[in-house]
Amino acid sequence: RLHVARWRVGLAGRGARVRSVAELCERRTRVVQREVGASSQKAFASALAAEGVSRQPGPLASGHVEAARHVAYGAAAGVTMEPAAAQLGLAFTSFEEHAAELWIDARWRDHPAVEPLGSVLRSAAFQRRVGLVGGYDVTDCGALRGGA
């Protein structure tokens, strides 16, 4: 496995801070959400469950950027990832940290392209480009993790 990046998922909001999940639930605030299978939506569902709430009203967004745009255009809060919130200048509060890894099947570990791929991921140029987006932690990008 080659590590790529980590990022946080949570709630985006306008202004200086994002209301807490408890406050959103108490006020029955409409929250722009993601589809049921999205990892960020699962993190939101866990945060709701911790408050003893099973559902929260709100429209669905097809992706992180769309959820953040809804907030930028007036929604109270949206389930998204920090990079999307940062790109639109929104406040953000985190539920969880997620990570991306490239998994290489055991049959292909000795393929001549594996090492150059790791080199690209470890390169300063690649990491600078990812850094332009904002919100991604590329510490250890390209590092080899234990096999599966």
Protein backbone atom coordinates (compact mmCIF):
# COMPACT_ATOMS: atom_id res chain seq x y z
CA ARG A 1 0.00 0.00 0.00
CA LEU A 2 1.28 3.45 -0.89
CA HIS A 3 -0.01 6.23 1.35
CA VAL A 4 -1.32 9.25 -0.58
CA ALA A 5 -3.01 11.76 1.75
CA ARG A 6 -5.24 12.38 4.75
CA TRP A 7 -8.11 14.83 5.07
CA ARG A 8 -10.85 15.65 7.51
CA VAL A 9 -14.60 15.35 6.96
CA GLY A 10 -17.18 17.28 8.92
CA LEU A 11 -19.44 20.30 8.69
CA ALA A 12 -18.90 23.50 6.75
CA GLY A 13 -20.62 26.70 7.79
CA ARG A 14 -20.51 30.42 7.16
CA GLY A 15 -19.08 32.95 9.57
CA ALA A 16 -16.49 32.48 12.26
CA ARG A 17 -17.62 29.06 13.43
CA VAL A 18 -19.78 26.08 12.56
CA ARG A 19 -22.59 25.25 14.95
CA SER A 20 -22.08 22.02 16.86
CA VAL A 21 -24.03 18.92 15.88
CA ALA A 22 -25.87 19.21 19.21
CA GLU A 23 -26.92 22.79 18.40
CA LEU A 24 -27.97 21.86 14.85
CA CYS A 25 -30.06 18.99 16.21
CA GLU A 26 -31.63 21.11 18.93
CA ARG A 27 -32.69 23.74 16.39
CA ARG A 28 -33.65 21.12 13.76
CA THR A 29 -31.44 23.07 11.35
CA ARG A 30 -31.50 21.88 7.76
CA VAL A 31 -28.07 20.46 6.89
CA VAL A 32 -26.97 19.80 3.31
CA GLN A 33 -26.01 16.14 3.36
CA ARG A 34 -24.35 13.50 1.19
CA GLU A 35 -25.74 10.25 -0.15
CA VAL A 36 -26.17 7.46 2.42
CA GLY A 37 -23.11 5.47 1.28
CA ALA A 38 -20.67 8.41 1.40
CA SER A 39 -18.03 8.12 4.12
CA SER A 40 -18.61 11.73 5.16
CA GLN A 41 -22.34 11.04 5.55
CA LYS A 42 -21.55 7.97 7.68
CA ALA A 43 -19.40 10.20 9.90
CA PHE A 44 -22.32 12.65 10.20
CA ALA A 45 -24.69 9.79 11.06
CA SER A 46 -22.30 8.71 13.83
CA ALA A 47 -22.19 12.28 15.18
CA LEU A 48 -25.99 12.40 15.14
CA ALA A 49 -26.21 9.04 16.90
CA ALA A 50 -23.87 10.34 19.61
CA GLU A 51 -26.45 13.11 20.19
CA GLY A 52 -29.30 10.55 20.27
CA VAL A 53 -30.70 11.70 16.93
CA SER A 54 -31.27 9.33 14.03
CA ARG A 55 -31.99 11.86 11.26
CA GLN A 56 -31.54 15.52 10.48
CA PRO A 57 -33.53 17.39 7.80
CA GLY A 58 -31.80 18.66 4.71
CA PRO A 59 -31.25 18.33 0.98
CA LEU A 60 -28.75 15.95 -0.62
CA ALA A 61 -25.65 17.12 -2.45
CA SER A 62 -23.96 14.92 -5.05
CA GLY A 63 -20.46 15.68 -3.79
CA HIS A 64 -18.26 17.58 -1.37
CA VAL A 65 -17.94 20.67 -3.55
CA GLU A 66 -21.69 20.85 -4.16
CA ALA A 67 -22.37 20.60 -0.42
CA ALA A 68 -19.88 23.39 0.27
CA ARG A 69 -21.41 25.54 -2.50
CA HIS A 70 -24.85 25.19 -0.92
CA VAL A 71 -23.38 26.59 2.29
CA ALA A 72 -21.56 29.38 0.46
CA TYR A 73 -24.89 30.36 -1.15
CA GLY A 74 -26.86 30.41 2.12
CA ALA A 75 -27.40 26.97 3.66
CA ALA A 76 -26.70 26.86 7.41
CA ALA A 77 -24.33 23.88 7.26
CA GLY A 78 -23.19 21.09 4.97
CA VAL A 79 -21.52 17.71 5.29
CA THR A 80 -18.28 17.93 3.33
CA MET A 81 -14.52 17.62 3.47
CA GLU A 82 -12.15 20.31 4.67
CA PRO A 83 -10.54 20.95 1.24
CA ALA A 84 -13.95 21.83 -0.27
CA ALA A 85 -14.80 24.12 2.66
CA ALA A 86 -11.38 25.78 2.47
CA GLN A 87 -11.69 26.46 -1.25
CA LEU A 88 -14.88 28.43 -0.61
CA GLY A 89 -13.61 30.22 2.50
CA LEU A 90 -16.03 28.45 4.85
CA ALA A 91 -15.64 27.64 8.52
CA PHE A 92 -15.13 23.94 9.19
CA THR A 93 -15.43 21.55 12.11
CA SER A 94 -14.22 17.96 11.84
CA PHE A 95 -15.90 14.63 12.61
CA GLU A 96 -13.21 12.23 11.36
CA GLU A 97 -9.96 11.96 9.47
CA HIS A 98 -9.94 9.87 6.30
CA ALA A 99 -7.01 8.57 4.27
CA ALA A 100 -6.31 7.49 0.71
CA GLU A 101 -3.93 4.69 -0.14
CA LEU A 102 -3.08 2.96 -3.39
CA TRP A 103 -3.23 -0.79 -2.89
CA ILE A 104 -1.07 -2.90 -5.15
CA ASP A 105 -2.10 -6.51 -5.56
CA ALA A 106 0.60 -9.01 -4.52
CA ARG A 107 0.83 -10.21 -8.14
CA TRP A 108 2.00 -6.75 -9.24
CA ARG A 109 4.31 -5.69 -6.38
CA ASP A 110 7.43 -6.38 -8.45
CA HIS A 111 6.12 -4.60 -11.54
CA PRO A 112 8.64 -2.01 -12.77
CA ALA A 113 6.05 0.81 -12.52
CA VAL A 114 5.52 0.46 -8.74
CA GLU A 115 8.70 2.21 -7.62
CA PRO A 116 8.36 5.13 -10.09
CA LEU A 117 4.77 5.60 -8.89
CA GLY A 118 6.02 5.86 -5.31
CA SER A 119 8.70 8.31 -6.45
CA VAL A 120 6.10 10.57 -8.07
CA LEU A 121 3.98 10.52 -4.89
CA ARG A 122 7.06 11.36 -2.77
CA SER A 123 8.17 14.16 -5.07
CA ALA A 124 8.08 17.75 -3.88
CA ALA A 125 6.38 18.75 -7.15
CA PHE A 126 3.44 16.38 -6.62
CA GLN A 127 3.07 17.37 -2.98
CA ARG A 128 3.15 21.09 -3.88
CA ARG A 129 0.37 20.56 -6.41
CA VAL A 130 -1.81 18.74 -3.89
CA GLY A 131 -0.99 21.51 -1.41
CA LEU A 132 -2.47 24.09 -3.79
CA VAL A 133 -5.91 22.60 -3.17
CA GLY A 134 -5.59 23.03 0.60
CA GLY A 135 -6.91 20.82 3.37
CA TYR A 136 -4.96 17.69 2.43
CA ASP A 137 -2.19 16.38 4.67
CA VAL A 138 0.44 14.81 2.41
CA THR A 139 2.83 13.91 5.23
CA ASP A 140 4.35 10.52 4.31
CA CYS A 141 2.85 10.69 0.81
CA GLY A 142 4.30 7.80 -1.19
CA ALA A 143 5.40 5.88 1.90
CA LEU A 144 5.06 2.14 1.67
CA ARG A 145 2.66 0.70 4.26
CA GLY A 146 2.41 -2.93 5.37
CA GLY A 147 0.99 -5.43 2.89
CA ALA A 148 -2.48 -6.89 3.09
